Amino acid sequence: MTNYPEKTCSIERLVTIPEDVQKVLEGKKWATRRNGVYAYPGEIMTLEGKEYSIDKLYEQTLGELTDEDAKSEGHDTVEDYKQTMLSIHEKMPWLPQMKVWVHEYSPVQK
């Protein structure tokens, strides 16, 4: 197991914006980038009664983002994702060297 840092927030706070919750439920979003660790691989996130397993957790810089990464967040392009993030986090600078933690998840198969 990789040595991850301590969590900065709880898994319940990983996906909270109603539009994002809907995207996850529809299978249009399967990753969330945060400036800290909210969940570790193997943990279960519950959204509207549906369970999602945290599959991967890794660091990435904003400058490394690709359109494919943006799609995992439910956006078409990096620019679309960037504009959404800047509208949510008004004081956040968008710096290519800024590191974020990527949480990837998938529906739990029952």
PDB file of N, CA and C in Angstrom:
ATOM      1  N   MET A   1       0.850  -1.201   0.000  1.00  0.00           N
ATOM      2  CA  MET A   1       0.000   0.000   0.000  1.00  0.00           C
ATOM      3  C   MET A   1       0.884   1.249   0.000  1.00  0.00           C
ATOM      4  N   THR A   2       0.452   2.221  -0.756  1.00  0.00           N
ATOM      5  CA  THR A   2       1.168   3.486  -0.834  1.00  0.00           C
ATOM      6  C   THR A   2       0.969   4.264   0.458  1.00  0.00           C
ATOM      7  N   ASN A   3       1.971   5.025   0.826  1.00  0.00           N
ATOM      8  CA  ASN A   3       1.832   5.882   2.000  1.00  0.00           C
ATOM      9  C   ASN A   3       1.179   7.188   1.584  1.00  0.00           C
ATOM     10  N   TYR A   4      -0.097   7.305   1.870  1.00  0.00           N
ATOM     11  CA  TYR A   4      -0.831   8.525   1.559  1.00  0.00           C
ATOM     12  C   TYR A   4      -0.776   9.459   2.757  1.00  0.00           C
ATOM     13  N   PRO A   5      -0.911  10.758   2.518  1.00  0.00           N
ATOM     14  CA  PRO A   5      -0.974  11.682   3.656  1.00  0.00           C
ATOM     15  C   PRO A   5      -2.302  11.517   4.395  1.00  0.00           C
ATOM     16  N   GLU A   6      -2.379  12.125   5.553  1.00  0.00           N
ATOM     17  CA  GLU A   6      -3.633  12.105   6.308  1.00  0.00           C
ATOM     18  C   GLU A   6      -4.715  12.809   5.511  1.00  0.00           C
ATOM     19  N   LYS A   7      -5.939  12.385   5.750  1.00  0.00           N
ATOM     20  CA  LYS A   7      -7.072  13.029   5.074  1.00  0.00           C
ATOM     21  C   LYS A   7      -7.195  14.478   5.537  1.00  0.00           C
ATOM     22  N   THR A   8      -7.590  15.333   4.604  1.00  0.00           N
ATOM     23  CA  THR A   8      -7.856  16.723   4.945  1.00  0.00           C
ATOM     24  C   THR A   8      -9.354  16.970   5.076  1.00  0.00           C
ATOM     25  N   CYS A   9     -10.148  16.005   4.644  1.00  0.00           N
ATOM     26  CA  CYS A   9     -11.596  16.120   4.707  1.00  0.00           C
ATOM     27  C   CYS A   9     -12.174  14.705   4.689  1.00  0.00           C
ATOM     28  N   SER A  10     -13.478  14.572   4.848  1.00  0.00           N
ATOM     29  CA  SER A  10     -14.079  13.235   4.876  1.00  0.00           C
ATOM     30  C   SER A  10     -14.644  12.869   3.509  1.00  0.00           C
ATOM     31  N   ILE A  11     -14.814  11.579   3.296  1.00  0.00           N
ATOM     32  CA  ILE A  11     -15.315  11.065   2.023  1.00  0.00           C
ATOM     33  C   ILE A  11     -16.701  11.643   1.689  1.00  0.00           C
ATOM     34  N   GLU A  12     -17.475  11.976   2.693  1.00  0.00           N
ATOM     35  CA  GLU A  12     -18.811  12.543   2.455  1.00  0.00           C
ATOM     36  C   GLU A  12     -18.748  13.888   1.744  1.00  0.00           C
ATOM     37  N   ARG A  13     -17.605  14.554   1.817  1.00  0.00           N
ATOM     38  CA  ARG A  13     -17.451  15.878   1.196  1.00  0.00           C
ATOM     39  C   ARG A  13     -16.817  15.797  -0.197  1.00  0.00           C
ATOM     40  N   LEU A  14     -16.537  14.577  -0.685  1.00  0.00           N
ATOM     41  CA  LEU A  14     -15.841  14.436  -1.965  1.00  0.00           C
ATOM     42  C   LEU A  14     -16.677  14.946  -3.135  1.00  0.00           C
ATOM     43  N   VAL A  15     -17.933  14.544  -3.208  1.00  0.00           N
ATOM     44  CA  VAL A  15     -18.832  15.003  -4.284  1.00  0.00           C
ATOM     45  C   VAL A  15     -20.081  15.551  -3.619  1.00  0.00           C
ATOM     46  N   THR A  16     -20.239  16.884  -3.653  1.00  0.00           N
ATOM     47  CA  THR A  16     -21.364  17.504  -2.939  1.00  0.00           C
ATOM     48  C   THR A  16     -22.240  18.395  -3.820  1.00  0.00           C
ATOM     49  N   ILE A  17     -21.699  18.915  -4.915  1.00  0.00           N
ATOM     50  CA  ILE A  17     -22.472  19.811  -5.785  1.00  0.00           C
ATOM     51  C   ILE A  17     -23.533  18.969  -6.508  1.00  0.00           C
ATOM     52  N   PRO A  18     -24.810  19.366  -6.418  1.00  0.00           N
ATOM     53  CA  PRO A  18     -25.891  18.555  -7.009  1.00  0.00           C
ATOM     54  C   PRO A  18     -25.651  18.157  -8.472  1.00  0.00           C
ATOM     55  N   GLU A  19     -25.137  19.065  -9.290  1.00  0.00           N
ATOM     56  CA  GLU A  19     -24.876  18.736 -10.701  1.00  0.00           C
ATOM     57  C   GLU A  19     -23.822  17.635 -10.807  1.00  0.00           C
ATOM     58  N   ASP A  20     -22.811  17.685  -9.926  1.00  0.00           N
ATOM     59  CA  ASP A  20     -21.756  16.665  -9.945  1.00  0.00           C
ATOM     60  C   ASP A  20     -22.293  15.316  -9.467  1.00  0.00           C
ATOM     61  N   VAL A  21     -23.128  15.343  -8.432  1.00  0.00           N
ATOM     62  CA  VAL A  21     -23.735  14.099  -7.943  1.00  0.00           C
ATOM     63  C   VAL A  21     -24.505  13.447  -9.084  1.00  0.00           C
ATOM     64  N   GLN A  22     -25.274  14.258  -9.823  1.00  0.00           N
ATOM     65  CA  GLN A  22     -26.060  13.746 -10.943  1.00  0.00           C
ATOM     66  C   GLN A  22     -25.158  13.139 -12.011  1.00  0.00           C
ATOM     67  N   LYS A  23     -24.033  13.810 -12.310  1.00  0.00           N
ATOM     68  CA  LYS A  23     -23.086  13.297 -13.307  1.00  0.00           C
ATOM     69  C   LYS A  23     -22.512  11.951 -12.885  1.00  0.00           C
ATOM     70  N   VAL A  24     -22.208  11.797 -11.588  1.00  0.00           N
ATOM     71  CA  VAL A  24     -21.696  10.519 -11.094  1.00  0.00           C
ATOM     72  C   VAL A  24     -22.767   9.443 -11.268  1.00  0.00           C
ATOM     73  N   LEU A  25     -23.995   9.750 -10.851  1.00  0.00           N
ATOM     74  CA  LEU A  25     -25.091   8.785 -10.937  1.00  0.00           C
ATOM     75  C   LEU A  25     -25.346   8.360 -12.381  1.00  0.00           C
ATOM     76  N   GLU A  26     -25.125   9.270 -13.332  1.00  0.00           N
ATOM     77  CA  GLU A  26     -25.342   8.985 -14.760  1.00  0.00           C
ATOM     78  C   GLU A  26     -24.118   8.358 -15.423  1.00  0.00           C
ATOM     79  N   GLY A  27     -23.023   8.194 -14.664  1.00  0.00           N
ATOM     80  CA  GLY A  27     -21.815   7.609 -15.230  1.00  0.00           C
ATOM     81  C   GLY A  27     -20.993   8.574 -16.070  1.00  0.00           C
ATOM     82  N   LYS A  28     -21.278   9.866 -15.949  1.00  0.00           N
ATOM     83  CA  LYS A  28     -20.570  10.885 -16.735  1.00  0.00           C
ATOM     84  C   LYS A  28     -19.411  11.508 -15.974  1.00  0.00           C
ATOM     85  N   LYS A  29     -19.225  11.111 -14.726  1.00  0.00           N
ATOM     86  CA  LYS A  29     -18.140  11.622 -13.881  1.00  0.00           C
ATOM     87  C   LYS A  29     -17.635  10.467 -13.032  1.00  0.00           C
ATOM     88  N   TRP A  30     -16.329  10.210 -13.095  1.00  0.00           N
ATOM     89  CA  TRP A  30     -15.767   9.105 -12.312  1.00  0.00           C
ATOM     90  C   TRP A  30     -14.462   9.496 -11.630  1.00  0.00           C
ATOM     91  N   ALA A  31     -14.220  10.802 -11.519  1.00  0.00           N
ATOM     92  CA  ALA A  31     -13.039  11.287 -10.803  1.00  0.00           C
ATOM     93  C   ALA A  31     -13.339  12.647 -10.203  1.00  0.00           C
ATOM     94  N   THR A  32     -12.693  12.919  -9.082  1.00  0.00           N
ATOM     95  CA  THR A  32     -12.804  14.219  -8.432  1.00  0.00           C
ATOM     96  C   THR A  32     -11.414  14.639  -7.986  1.00  0.00           C
ATOM     97  N   ARG A  33     -11.048  15.869  -8.364  1.00  0.00           N
ATOM     98  CA  ARG A  33      -9.761  16.433  -7.968  1.00  0.00           C
ATOM     99  C   ARG A  33      -9.988  17.388  -6.807  1.00  0.00           C
ATOM    100  N   ARG A  34      -9.156  17.235  -5.788  1.00  0.00           N
ATOM    101  CA  ARG A  34      -9.237  18.096  -4.606  1.00  0.00           C
ATOM    102  C   ARG A  34      -7.825  18.508  -4.217  1.00  0.00           C
ATOM    103  N   ASN A  35      -7.736  19.577  -3.427  1.00  0.00           N
ATOM    104  CA  ASN A  35      -6.401  20.004  -2.990  1.00  0.00           C
ATOM    105  C   ASN A  35      -5.914  19.220  -1.783  1.00  0.00           C
ATOM    106  N   GLY A  36      -6.691  18.238  -1.359  1.00  0.00           N
ATOM    107  CA  GLY A  36      -6.300  17.367  -0.267  1.00  0.00           C
ATOM    108  C   GLY A  36      -6.880  15.981  -0.473  1.00  0.00           C
ATOM    109  N   VAL A  37      -6.597  15.098   0.472  1.00  0.00           N
ATOM    110  CA  VAL A  37      -7.092  13.723   0.400  1.00  0.00           C
ATOM    111  C   VAL A  37      -8.423  13.629   1.148  1.00  0.00           C
ATOM    112  N   TYR A  38      -9.454  13.156   0.446  1.00  0.00           N
ATOM    113  CA  TYR A  38     -10.789  12.999   1.034  1.00  0.00           C
ATOM    114  C   TYR A  38     -11.147  11.535   1.242  1.00  0.00           C
ATOM    115  N   ALA A  39     -10.459  10.622   0.532  1.00  0.00           N
ATOM    116  CA  ALA A  39     -10.776   9.196   0.633  1.00  0.00           C
ATOM    117  C   ALA A  39      -9.582   8.386   0.161  1.00  0.00           C
ATOM    118  N   TYR A  40      -9.475   7.185   0.692  1.00  0.00           N
ATOM    119  CA  TYR A  40      -8.404   6.264   0.305  1.00  0.00           C
ATOM    120  C   TYR A  40      -8.985   5.142  -0.557  1.00  0.00           C
ATOM    121  N   PRO A  41      -8.157   4.553  -1.422  1.00  0.00           N
ATOM    122  CA  PRO A  41      -8.630   3.410  -2.210  1.00  0.00           C
ATOM    123  C   PRO A  41      -9.226   2.328  -1.310  1.00  0.00           C
ATOM    124  N   GLY A  42     -10.352   1.779  -1.766  1.00  0.00           N
ATOM    125  CA  GLY A  42     -11.047   0.753  -0.992  1.00  0.00           C
ATOM    126  C   GLY A  42     -12.199   1.303  -0.170  1.00  0.00           C
ATOM    127  N   GLU A  43     -12.201   2.606   0.079  1.00  0.00           N
ATOM    128  CA  GLU A  43     -13.312   3.196   0.824  1.00  0.00           C
ATOM    129  C   GLU A  43     -14.544   3.284  -0.078  1.00  0.00           C
ATOM    130  N   ILE A  44     -15.703   3.361   0.552  1.00  0.00           N
ATOM    131  CA  ILE A  44     -16.966   3.423  -0.173  1.00  0.00           C
ATOM    132  C   ILE A  44     -17.622   4.789   0.044  1.00  0.00           C
ATOM    133  N   MET A  45     -17.996   5.416  -1.084  1.00  0.00           N
ATOM    134  CA  MET A  45     -18.723   6.686  -1.066  1.00  0.00           C
ATOM    135  C   MET A  45     -20.168   6.364  -1.445  1.00  0.00           C
ATOM    136  N   THR A  46     -21.118   6.942  -0.731  1.00  0.00           N
ATOM    137  CA  THR A  46     -22.531   6.713  -1.022  1.00  0.00           C
ATOM    138  C   THR A  46     -23.163   8.012  -1.511  1.00  0.00           C
ATOM    139  N   LEU A  47     -23.780   7.938  -2.688  1.00  0.00           N
ATOM    140  CA  LEU A  47     -24.486   9.083  -3.272  1.00  0.00           C
ATOM    141  C   LEU A  47     -25.912   8.646  -3.590  1.00  0.00           C
ATOM    142  N   GLU A  48     -26.868   9.275  -2.943  1.00  0.00           N
ATOM    143  CA  GLU A  48     -28.286   8.963  -3.141  1.00  0.00           C
ATOM    144  C   GLU A  48     -28.549   7.455  -3.077  1.00  0.00           C
ATOM    145  N   GLY A  49     -27.926   6.800  -2.098  1.00  0.00           N
ATOM    146  CA  GLY A  49     -28.155   5.385  -1.873  1.00  0.00           C
ATOM    147  C   GLY A  49     -27.318   4.451  -2.745  1.00  0.00           C
ATOM    148  N   LYS A  50     -26.578   4.994  -3.704  1.00  0.00           N
ATOM    149  CA  LYS A  50     -25.723   4.158  -4.552  1.00  0.00           C
ATOM    150  C   LYS A  50     -24.289   4.226  -4.046  1.00  0.00           C
ATOM    151  N   GLU A  51     -23.622   3.069  -4.058  1.00  0.00           N
ATOM    152  CA  GLU A  51     -22.260   2.988  -3.534  1.00  0.00           C
ATOM    153  C   GLU A  51     -21.222   3.021  -4.649  1.00  0.00           C
ATOM    154  N   TYR A  52     -20.137   3.744  -4.365  1.00  0.00           N
ATOM    155  CA  TYR A  52     -19.018   3.870  -5.293  1.00  0.00           C
ATOM    156  C   TYR A  52     -17.739   3.570  -4.535  1.00  0.00           C
ATOM    157  N   SER A  53     -16.912   2.724  -5.132  1.00  0.00           N
ATOM    158  CA  SER A  53     -15.641   2.351  -4.517  1.00  0.00           C
ATOM    159  C   SER A  53     -14.550   3.293  -5.005  1.00  0.00           C
ATOM    160  N   ILE A  54     -13.732   3.768  -4.081  1.00  0.00           N
ATOM    161  CA  ILE A  54     -12.574   4.579  -4.461  1.00  0.00           C
ATOM    162  C   ILE A  54     -11.536   3.603  -5.018  1.00  0.00           C
ATOM    163  N   ASP A  55     -11.207   3.751  -6.297  1.00  0.00           N
ATOM    164  CA  ASP A  55     -10.306   2.820  -6.977  1.00  0.00           C
ATOM    165  C   ASP A  55      -8.859   3.285  -6.966  1.00  0.00           C
ATOM    166  N   LYS A  56      -8.658   4.590  -7.161  1.00  0.00           N
ATOM    167  CA  LYS A  56      -7.295   5.123  -7.258  1.00  0.00           C
ATOM    168  C   LYS A  56      -7.211   6.467  -6.563  1.00  0.00           C
ATOM    169  N   LEU A  57      -6.023   6.768  -6.072  1.00  0.00           N
ATOM    170  CA  LEU A  57      -5.730   8.067  -5.475  1.00  0.00           C
ATOM    171  C   LEU A  57      -4.304   8.411  -5.871  1.00  0.00           C
ATOM    172  N   TYR A  58      -4.137   9.545  -6.545  1.00  0.00           N
ATOM    173  CA  TYR A  58      -2.796   9.955  -6.968  1.00  0.00           C
ATOM    174  C   TYR A  58      -2.733  11.469  -7.128  1.00  0.00           C
ATOM    175  N   GLU A  59      -1.507  11.971  -7.121  1.00  0.00           N
ATOM    176  CA  GLU A  59      -1.284  13.405  -7.301  1.00  0.00           C
ATOM    177  C   GLU A  59      -1.103  13.734  -8.771  1.00  0.00           C
ATOM    178  N   GLN A  60      -1.515  14.942  -9.118  1.00  0.00           N
ATOM    179  CA  GLN A  60      -1.377  15.429 -10.486  1.00  0.00           C
ATOM    180  C   GLN A  60      -1.262  16.946 -10.408  1.00  0.00           C
ATOM    181  N   THR A  61      -0.539  17.557 -11.346  1.00  0.00           N
ATOM    182  CA  THR A  61      -0.516  19.021 -11.383  1.00  0.00           C
ATOM    183  C   THR A  61      -1.574  19.493 -12.367  1.00  0.00           C
ATOM    184  N   LEU A  62      -2.049  20.708 -12.179  1.00  0.00           N
ATOM    185  CA  LEU A  62      -3.054  21.252 -13.090  1.00  0.00           C
ATOM    186  C   LEU A  62      -2.504  21.337 -14.518  1.00  0.00           C
ATOM    187  N   GLY A  63      -1.206  21.553 -14.637  1.00  0.00           N
ATOM    188  CA  GLY A  63      -0.581  21.629 -15.953  1.00  0.00           C
ATOM    189  C   GLY A  63      -0.558  20.297 -16.695  1.00  0.00           C
ATOM    190  N   GLU A  64      -0.723  19.192 -15.956  1.00  0.00           N
ATOM    191  CA  GLU A  64      -0.733  17.856 -16.574  1.00  0.00           C
ATOM    192  C   GLU A  64      -2.117  17.450 -17.086  1.00  0.00           C
ATOM    193  N   LEU A  65      -3.142  18.220 -16.740  1.00  0.00           N
ATOM    194  CA  LEU A  65      -4.512  17.865 -17.116  1.00  0.00           C
ATOM    195  C   LEU A  65      -4.678  17.771 -18.629  1.00  0.00           C
ATOM    196  N   THR A  66      -5.377  16.725 -19.059  1.00  0.00           N
ATOM    197  CA  THR A  66      -5.706  16.541 -20.472  1.00  0.00           C
ATOM    198  C   THR A  66      -7.223  16.628 -20.630  1.00  0.00           C
ATOM    199  N   ASP A  67      -7.680  16.703 -21.869  1.00  0.00           N
ATOM    200  CA  ASP A  67      -9.129  16.698 -22.096  1.00  0.00           C
ATOM    201  C   ASP A  67      -9.746  15.397 -21.576  1.00  0.00           C
ATOM    202  N   GLU A  68      -8.988  14.296 -21.646  1.00  0.00           N
ATOM    203  CA  GLU A  68      -9.476  13.012 -21.114  1.00  0.00           C
ATOM    204  C   GLU A  68      -9.685  13.117 -19.598  1.00  0.00           C
ATOM    205  N   ASP A  69      -8.769  13.810 -18.907  1.00  0.00           N
ATOM    206  CA  ASP A  69      -8.933  14.045 -17.466  1.00  0.00           C
ATOM    207  C   ASP A  69     -10.180  14.882 -17.214  1.00  0.00           C
ATOM    208  N   ALA A  70     -10.386  15.899 -18.045  1.00  0.00           N
ATOM    209  CA  ALA A  70     -11.567  16.757 -17.897  1.00  0.00           C
ATOM    210  C   ALA A  70     -12.841  15.931 -18.066  1.00  0.00           C
ATOM    211  N   LYS A  71     -12.831  14.989 -19.003  1.00  0.00           N
ATOM    212  CA  LYS A  71     -14.000  14.119 -19.218  1.00  0.00           C
ATOM    213  C   LYS A  71     -14.282  13.277 -17.975  1.00  0.00           C
ATOM    214  N   SER A  72     -13.227  12.837 -17.277  1.00  0.00           N
ATOM    215  CA  SER A  72     -13.434  12.041 -16.062  1.00  0.00           C
ATOM    216  C   SER A  72     -14.119  12.869 -14.978  1.00  0.00           C
ATOM    217  N   GLU A  73     -14.016  14.199 -15.103  1.00  0.00           N
ATOM    218  CA  GLU A  73     -14.655  15.123 -14.159  1.00  0.00           C
ATOM    219  C   GLU A  73     -16.040  15.574 -14.649  1.00  0.00           C
ATOM    220  N   GLY A  74     -16.443  15.053 -15.820  1.00  0.00           N
ATOM    221  CA  GLY A  74     -17.757  15.413 -16.347  1.00  0.00           C
ATOM    222  C   GLY A  74     -17.755  16.648 -17.224  1.00  0.00           C
ATOM    223  N   HIS A  75     -16.593  17.025 -17.758  1.00  0.00           N
ATOM    224  CA  HIS A  75     -16.472  18.203 -18.633  1.00  0.00           C
ATOM    225  C   HIS A  75     -15.894  17.780 -19.979  1.00  0.00           C
ATOM    226  N   ASP A  76     -16.112  18.603 -20.998  1.00  0.00           N
ATOM    227  CA  ASP A  76     -15.643  18.251 -22.345  1.00  0.00           C
ATOM    228  C   ASP A  76     -14.164  18.527 -22.556  1.00  0.00           C
ATOM    229  N   THR A  77     -13.688  19.646 -22.001  1.00  0.00           N
ATOM    230  CA  THR A  77     -12.295  20.047 -22.229  1.00  0.00           C
ATOM    231  C   THR A  77     -11.669  20.552 -20.933  1.00  0.00           C
ATOM    232  N   VAL A  78     -10.358  20.658 -20.938  1.00  0.00           N
ATOM    233  CA  VAL A  78      -9.650  21.218 -19.777  1.00  0.00           C
ATOM    234  C   VAL A  78     -10.124  22.647 -19.531  1.00  0.00           C
ATOM    235  N   GLU A  79     -10.297  23.423 -20.595  1.00  0.00           N
ATOM    236  CA  GLU A  79     -10.727  24.815 -20.439  1.00  0.00           C
ATOM    237  C   GLU A  79     -12.109  24.895 -19.791  1.00  0.00           C
ATOM    238  N   ASP A  80     -13.019  24.031 -20.197  1.00  0.00           N
ATOM    239  CA  ASP A  80     -14.363  23.972 -19.612  1.00  0.00           C
ATOM    240  C   ASP A  80     -14.263  23.646 -18.117  1.00  0.00           C
ATOM    241  N   TYR A  81     -13.444  22.640 -17.786  1.00  0.00           N
ATOM    242  CA  TYR A  81     -13.240  22.250 -16.387  1.00  0.00           C
ATOM    243  C   TYR A  81     -12.634  23.403 -15.598  1.00  0.00           C
ATOM    244  N   LYS A  82     -11.616  24.042 -16.176  1.00  0.00           N
ATOM    245  CA  LYS A  82     -10.934  25.162 -15.514  1.00  0.00           C
ATOM    246  C   LYS A  82     -11.931  26.283 -15.200  1.00  0.00           C
ATOM    247  N   GLN A  83     -12.745  26.669 -16.172  1.00  0.00           N
ATOM    248  CA  GLN A  83     -13.707  27.759 -15.966  1.00  0.00           C
ATOM    249  C   GLN A  83     -14.727  27.394 -14.888  1.00  0.00           C
ATOM    250  N   THR A  84     -15.153  26.148 -14.861  1.00  0.00           N
ATOM    251  CA  THR A  84     -16.089  25.704 -13.816  1.00  0.00           C
ATOM    252  C   THR A  84     -15.431  25.796 -12.443  1.00  0.00           C
ATOM    253  N   MET A  85     -14.197  25.317 -12.330  1.00  0.00           N
ATOM    254  CA  MET A  85     -13.485  25.361 -11.046  1.00  0.00           C
ATOM    255  C   MET A  85     -13.286  26.806 -10.575  1.00  0.00           C
ATOM    256  N   LEU A  86     -12.900  27.676 -11.493  1.00  0.00           N
ATOM    257  CA  LEU A  86     -12.663  29.077 -11.117  1.00  0.00           C
ATOM    258  C   LEU A  86     -13.964  29.775 -10.734  1.00  0.00           C
ATOM    259  N   SER A  87     -15.098  29.342 -11.290  1.00  0.00           N
ATOM    260  CA  SER A  87     -16.380  29.952 -10.918  1.00  0.00           C
ATOM    261  C   SER A  87     -16.832  29.475  -9.537  1.00  0.00           C
ATOM    262  N   ILE A  88     -16.435  28.245  -9.171  1.00  0.00           N
ATOM    263  CA  ILE A  88     -16.797  27.697  -7.853  1.00  0.00           C
ATOM    264  C   ILE A  88     -15.860  28.246  -6.772  1.00  0.00           C
ATOM    265  N   HIS A  89     -14.556  28.278  -7.099  1.00  0.00           N
ATOM    266  CA  HIS A  89     -13.529  28.718  -6.143  1.00  0.00           C
ATOM    267  C   HIS A  89     -12.976  30.058  -6.619  1.00  0.00           C
ATOM    268  N   GLU A  90     -13.681  31.132  -6.269  1.00  0.00           N
ATOM    269  CA  GLU A  90     -13.370  32.456  -6.815  1.00  0.00           C
ATOM    270  C   GLU A  90     -11.945  32.930  -6.560  1.00  0.00           C
ATOM    271  N   LYS A  91     -11.393  32.577  -5.421  1.00  0.00           N
ATOM    272  CA  LYS A  91     -10.055  33.083  -5.089  1.00  0.00           C
ATOM    273  C   LYS A  91      -8.937  32.111  -5.475  1.00  0.00           C
ATOM    274  N   MET A  92      -9.302  30.978  -6.067  1.00  0.00           N
ATOM    275  CA  MET A  92      -8.312  29.966  -6.403  1.00  0.00           C
ATOM    276  C   MET A  92      -7.496  30.385  -7.632  1.00  0.00           C
ATOM    277  N   PRO A  93      -6.171  30.368  -7.502  1.00  0.00           N
ATOM    278  CA  PRO A  93      -5.366  30.611  -8.695  1.00  0.00           C
ATOM    279  C   PRO A  93      -5.284  29.314  -9.498  1.00  0.00           C
ATOM    280  N   TRP A  94      -5.204  29.406 -10.801  1.00  0.00           N
ATOM    281  CA  TRP A  94      -5.033  28.215 -11.643  1.00  0.00           C
ATOM    282  C   TRP A  94      -3.580  28.217 -12.091  1.00  0.00           C
ATOM    283  N   LEU A  95      -2.743  27.515 -11.353  1.00  0.00           N
ATOM    284  CA  LEU A  95      -1.316  27.487 -11.634  1.00  0.00           C
ATOM    285  C   LEU A  95      -0.924  26.107 -12.151  1.00  0.00           C
ATOM    286  N   PRO A  96      -0.194  26.046 -13.285  1.00  0.00           N
ATOM    287  CA  PRO A  96       0.185  24.751 -13.856  1.00  0.00           C
ATOM    288  C   PRO A  96       0.917  23.839 -12.876  1.00  0.00           C
ATOM    289  N   GLN A  97       1.681  24.426 -11.948  1.00  0.00           N
ATOM    290  CA  GLN A  97       2.456  23.607 -11.009  1.00  0.00           C
ATOM    291  C   GLN A  97       1.655  23.213  -9.758  1.00  0.00           C
ATOM    292  N   MET A  98       0.435  23.728  -9.625  1.00  0.00           N
ATOM    293  CA  MET A  98      -0.391  23.429  -8.452  1.00  0.00           C
ATOM    294  C   MET A  98      -0.771  21.945  -8.460  1.00  0.00           C
ATOM    295  N   LYS A  99      -0.531  21.278  -7.321  1.00  0.00           N
ATOM    296  CA  LYS A  99      -0.833  19.851  -7.223  1.00  0.00           C
ATOM    297  C   LYS A  99      -2.216  19.626  -6.647  1.00  0.00           C
ATOM    298  N   VAL A 100      -2.891  18.621  -7.193  1.00  0.00           N
ATOM    299  CA  VAL A 100      -4.195  18.208  -6.688  1.00  0.00           C
ATOM    300  C   VAL A 100      -4.169  16.691  -6.500  1.00  0.00           C
ATOM    301  N   TRP A 101      -5.063  16.207  -5.653  1.00  0.00           N
ATOM    302  CA  TRP A 101      -5.216  14.768  -5.453  1.00  0.00           C
ATOM    303  C   TRP A 101      -6.393  14.298  -6.287  1.00  0.00           C
ATOM    304  N   VAL A 102      -6.146  13.295  -7.114  1.00  0.00           N
ATOM    305  CA  VAL A 102      -7.192  12.733  -7.968  1.00  0.00           C
ATOM    306  C   VAL A 102      -7.771  11.504  -7.284  1.00  0.00           C
ATOM    307  N   HIS A 103      -9.082  11.516  -7.091  1.00  0.00           N
ATOM    308  CA  HIS A 103      -9.809  10.383  -6.517  1.00  0.00           C
ATOM    309  C   HIS A 103     -10.622   9.779  -7.668  1.00  0.00           C
ATOM    310  N   GLU A 104     -10.322   8.562  -8.081  1.00  0.00           N
ATOM    311  CA  GLU A 104     -11.092   7.878  -9.123  1.00  0.00           C
ATOM    312  C   GLU A 104     -11.971   6.827  -8.453  1.00  0.00           C
ATOM    313  N   TYR A 105     -13.206   6.693  -8.959  1.00  0.00           N
ATOM    314  CA  TYR A 105     -14.155   5.769  -8.337  1.00  0.00           C
ATOM    315  C   TYR A 105     -15.037   5.110  -9.386  1.00  0.00           C
ATOM    316  N   SER A 106     -15.678   4.020  -8.968  1.00  0.00           N
ATOM    317  CA  SER A 106     -16.590   3.301  -9.845  1.00  0.00           C
ATOM    318  C   SER A 106     -17.718   2.710  -9.006  1.00  0.00           C
ATOM    319  N   PRO A 107     -18.869   2.438  -9.683  1.00  0.00           N
ATOM    320  CA  PRO A 107     -19.998   1.864  -8.948  1.00  0.00           C
ATOM    321  C   PRO A 107     -19.641   0.510  -8.350  1.00  0.00           C
ATOM    322  N   VAL A 108     -20.130   0.273  -7.142  1.00  0.00           N
ATOM    323  CA  VAL A 108     -19.931  -1.032  -6.498  1.00  0.00           C
ATOM    324  C   VAL A 108     -20.911  -2.005  -7.152  1.00  0.00           C
ATOM    325  N   GLN A 109     -20.383  -3.114  -7.639  1.00  0.00           N
ATOM    326  CA  GLN A 109     -21.235  -4.144  -8.252  1.00  0.00           C
ATOM    327  C   GLN A 109     -21.754  -5.066  -7.163  1.00  0.00           C
ATOM    328  N   LYS A 110     -23.063  -5.217  -7.100  1.00  0.00           N
ATOM    329  CA  LYS A 110     -23.663  -6.050  -6.039  1.00  0.00           C
ATOM    330  C   LYS A 110     -24.075  -7.384  -6.587  1.00  0.00           C
TER     331      LYS A 110
END
